[in-house]
Amino acid sequence: MNLGTPEIILIALVVLLLFGGKKIPELMKGLGKGVKSFKDGVKGLDDEVNSVTKDIKDAAEYNKDEAK
């Protein structure tokens, strides 16, 4: 789905009409905090997956050495 300039302008006007000029900065601040929280959660999950993957590789290497 591609949004062109006219669509973005229309969305901005609708948001301005619905929420008014004073509420928009508060909404954007909340949206920014939500995005940051989401990114932090994804990074934590990625770190956990990488840790488990490393543990599995280490265990496989240990078992390979023990089999010799």
N, C-alpha and C. Protein backbone atom coordinates (compact mmCIF):
# COMPACT_ATOMS: atom_id res chain seq x y z
N MET A 1 0.85 -1.18 0.00
CA MET A 1 0.00 0.00 0.00
C MET A 1 0.89 1.24 0.00
N ASN A 2 0.82 2.00 -1.04
CA ASN A 2 1.61 3.22 -1.15
C ASN A 2 0.74 4.43 -0.84
N LEU A 3 1.26 5.29 0.02
CA LEU A 3 0.57 6.54 0.31
C LEU A 3 1.32 7.66 -0.38
N GLY A 4 0.61 8.37 -1.22
CA GLY A 4 1.20 9.51 -1.90
C GLY A 4 0.99 10.77 -1.09
N THR A 5 1.48 11.86 -1.61
CA THR A 5 1.37 13.15 -0.93
C THR A 5 -0.08 13.56 -0.70
N PRO A 6 -0.97 13.42 -1.70
CA PRO A 6 -2.36 13.83 -1.45
C PRO A 6 -3.02 13.02 -0.33
N GLU A 7 -2.74 11.72 -0.26
CA GLU A 7 -3.33 10.90 0.79
C GLU A 7 -2.83 11.30 2.17
N ILE A 8 -1.53 11.59 2.27
CA ILE A 8 -0.95 12.00 3.55
C ILE A 8 -1.54 13.34 4.00
N ILE A 9 -1.71 14.26 3.06
CA ILE A 9 -2.31 15.56 3.39
C ILE A 9 -3.75 15.37 3.86
N LEU A 10 -4.50 14.52 3.20
CA LEU A 10 -5.88 14.26 3.59
C LEU A 10 -5.95 13.65 4.99
N ILE A 11 -5.08 12.70 5.27
CA ILE A 11 -5.04 12.08 6.60
C ILE A 11 -4.70 13.13 7.66
N ALA A 12 -3.72 13.98 7.37
CA ALA A 12 -3.32 15.03 8.32
C ALA A 12 -4.48 15.99 8.59
N LEU A 13 -5.23 16.34 7.55
CA LEU A 13 -6.37 17.23 7.73
C LEU A 13 -7.46 16.58 8.57
N VAL A 14 -7.73 15.31 8.33
CA VAL A 14 -8.74 14.60 9.12
C VAL A 14 -8.32 14.53 10.59
N VAL A 15 -7.05 14.22 10.84
CA VAL A 15 -6.56 14.17 12.22
C VAL A 15 -6.68 15.55 12.87
N LEU A 16 -6.33 16.58 12.13
CA LEU A 16 -6.43 17.95 12.66
C LEU A 16 -7.87 18.30 13.00
N LEU A 17 -8.81 17.91 12.14
CA LEU A 17 -10.22 18.19 12.40
C LEU A 17 -10.75 17.39 13.59
N LEU A 18 -10.32 16.14 13.71
CA LEU A 18 -10.82 15.29 14.79
C LEU A 18 -10.27 15.68 16.15
N PHE A 19 -9.01 15.99 16.22
CA PHE A 19 -8.36 16.18 17.52
C PHE A 19 -8.02 17.63 17.83
N GLY A 20 -7.96 18.48 16.86
CA GLY A 20 -7.61 19.87 17.11
C GLY A 20 -6.10 20.04 17.23
N GLY A 21 -5.64 21.25 17.05
CA GLY A 21 -4.21 21.55 17.03
C GLY A 21 -3.51 21.34 18.36
N LYS A 22 -4.22 21.49 19.46
CA LYS A 22 -3.57 21.39 20.76
C LYS A 22 -3.32 19.94 21.18
N LYS A 23 -4.13 19.02 20.70
CA LYS A 23 -4.00 17.62 21.10
C LYS A 23 -2.96 16.86 20.27
N ILE A 24 -2.65 17.32 19.09
CA ILE A 24 -1.76 16.58 18.19
C ILE A 24 -0.38 16.35 18.79
N PRO A 25 0.28 17.36 19.40
CA PRO A 25 1.60 17.08 20.00
C PRO A 25 1.54 16.00 21.07
N GLU A 26 0.47 16.00 21.87
CA GLU A 26 0.33 14.96 22.90
C GLU A 26 0.16 13.58 22.26
N LEU A 27 -0.63 13.53 21.19
CA LEU A 27 -0.83 12.26 20.49
C LEU A 27 0.47 11.74 19.89
N MET A 28 1.24 12.62 19.29
CA MET A 28 2.50 12.22 18.67
C MET A 28 3.52 11.78 19.73
N LYS A 29 3.51 12.44 20.87
CA LYS A 29 4.40 12.04 21.97
C LYS A 29 4.05 10.64 22.44
N GLY A 30 2.77 10.38 22.62
CA GLY A 30 2.33 9.05 23.02
C GLY A 30 2.66 8.01 21.97
N LEU A 31 2.48 8.35 20.71
CA LEU A 31 2.82 7.44 19.62
C LEU A 31 4.31 7.14 19.60
N GLY A 32 5.12 8.16 19.80
CA GLY A 32 6.57 7.97 19.85
C GLY A 32 6.99 7.06 20.99
N LYS A 33 6.38 7.24 22.16
CA LYS A 33 6.69 6.38 23.30
C LYS A 33 6.28 4.94 23.01
N GLY A 34 5.14 4.78 22.35
CA GLY A 34 4.67 3.44 22.01
C GLY A 34 5.60 2.74 21.03
N VAL A 35 6.07 3.47 20.03
CA VAL A 35 6.99 2.91 19.05
C VAL A 35 8.31 2.53 19.72
N LYS A 36 8.81 3.40 20.60
CA LYS A 36 10.06 3.10 21.31
C LYS A 36 9.91 1.86 22.17
N SER A 37 8.79 1.76 22.88
CA SER A 37 8.54 0.59 23.72
C SER A 37 8.48 -0.67 22.87
N PHE A 38 7.84 -0.60 21.73
CA PHE A 38 7.75 -1.74 20.82
C PHE A 38 9.13 -2.15 20.33
N LYS A 39 9.93 -1.19 19.93
CA LYS A 39 11.29 -1.49 19.45
C LYS A 39 12.14 -2.11 20.56
N ASP A 40 12.01 -1.59 21.77
CA ASP A 40 12.76 -2.17 22.90
C ASP A 40 12.34 -3.61 23.15
N GLY A 41 11.04 -3.89 23.04
CA GLY A 41 10.55 -5.24 23.21
C GLY A 41 11.06 -6.19 22.15
N VAL A 42 11.08 -5.72 20.90
CA VAL A 42 11.59 -6.53 19.80
C VAL A 42 13.07 -6.80 19.99
N LYS A 43 13.83 -5.78 20.43
CA LYS A 43 15.26 -5.97 20.66
C LYS A 43 15.50 -6.99 21.77
N GLY A 44 14.72 -6.91 22.85
CA GLY A 44 14.84 -7.87 23.94
C GLY A 44 14.55 -9.28 23.47
N LEU A 45 13.53 -9.43 22.65
CA LEU A 45 13.18 -10.75 22.11
C LEU A 45 14.29 -11.26 21.21
N ASP A 46 14.83 -10.39 20.38
CA ASP A 46 15.92 -10.76 19.48
C ASP A 46 17.15 -11.20 20.28
N ASP A 47 17.47 -10.46 21.34
CA ASP A 47 18.60 -10.84 22.19
C ASP A 47 18.38 -12.21 22.83
N GLU A 48 17.17 -12.47 23.27
CA GLU A 48 16.85 -13.75 23.89
C GLU A 48 16.98 -14.90 22.87
N VAL A 49 16.48 -14.69 21.67
CA VAL A 49 16.59 -15.71 20.63
C VAL A 49 18.06 -15.98 20.30
N ASN A 50 18.85 -14.92 20.19
CA ASN A 50 20.27 -15.09 19.90
C ASN A 50 20.98 -15.85 21.03
N SER A 51 20.62 -15.58 22.28
CA SER A 51 21.21 -16.26 23.42
C SER A 51 20.88 -17.75 23.40
N VAL A 52 19.62 -18.08 23.15
CA VAL A 52 19.21 -19.48 23.10
C VAL A 52 19.89 -20.19 21.93
N THR A 53 19.98 -19.53 20.80
CA THR A 53 20.64 -20.12 19.64
C THR A 53 22.10 -20.41 19.94
N LYS A 54 22.77 -19.47 20.62
CA LYS A 54 24.18 -19.69 20.99
C LYS A 54 24.31 -20.87 21.94
N ASP A 55 23.40 -20.96 22.92
CA ASP A 55 23.44 -22.08 23.87
C ASP A 55 23.26 -23.42 23.14
N ILE A 56 22.36 -23.46 22.18
CA ILE A 56 22.13 -24.70 21.43
C ILE A 56 23.36 -25.06 20.61
N LYS A 57 23.97 -24.07 19.97
CA LYS A 57 25.18 -24.33 19.18
C LYS A 57 26.31 -24.82 20.08
N ASP A 58 26.45 -24.20 21.26
CA ASP A 58 27.50 -24.63 22.19
C ASP A 58 27.27 -26.06 22.65
N ALA A 59 26.01 -26.41 22.95
CA ALA A 59 25.69 -27.76 23.39
C ALA A 59 25.95 -28.77 22.27
N ALA A 60 25.62 -28.41 21.05
CA ALA A 60 25.86 -29.30 19.91
C ALA A 60 27.36 -29.51 19.71
N GLU A 61 28.13 -28.45 19.85
CA GLU A 61 29.59 -28.55 19.70
C GLU A 61 30.18 -29.43 20.81
N TYR A 62 29.69 -29.26 22.03
CA TYR A 62 30.15 -30.08 23.16
C TYR A 62 29.84 -31.55 22.91
N ASN A 63 28.62 -31.84 22.45
CA ASN A 63 28.23 -33.23 22.18
C ASN A 63 29.04 -33.81 21.03
N LYS A 64 29.36 -32.99 20.06
CA LYS A 64 30.18 -33.44 18.93
C LYS A 64 31.58 -33.81 19.42
N ASP A 65 32.15 -32.99 20.30
CA ASP A 65 33.48 -33.26 20.83
C ASP A 65 33.47 -34.52 21.73
N GLU A 66 32.41 -34.69 22.50
CA GLU A 66 32.31 -35.85 23.38
C GLU A 66 32.16 -37.16 22.60
N ALA A 67 31.59 -37.08 21.42
CA ALA A 67 31.36 -38.29 20.61
C ALA A 67 32.65 -38.81 19.99
N LYS A 68 33.68 -37.98 19.95
CA LYS A 68 34.94 -38.39 19.32
C LYS A 68 35.71 -39.33 20.17
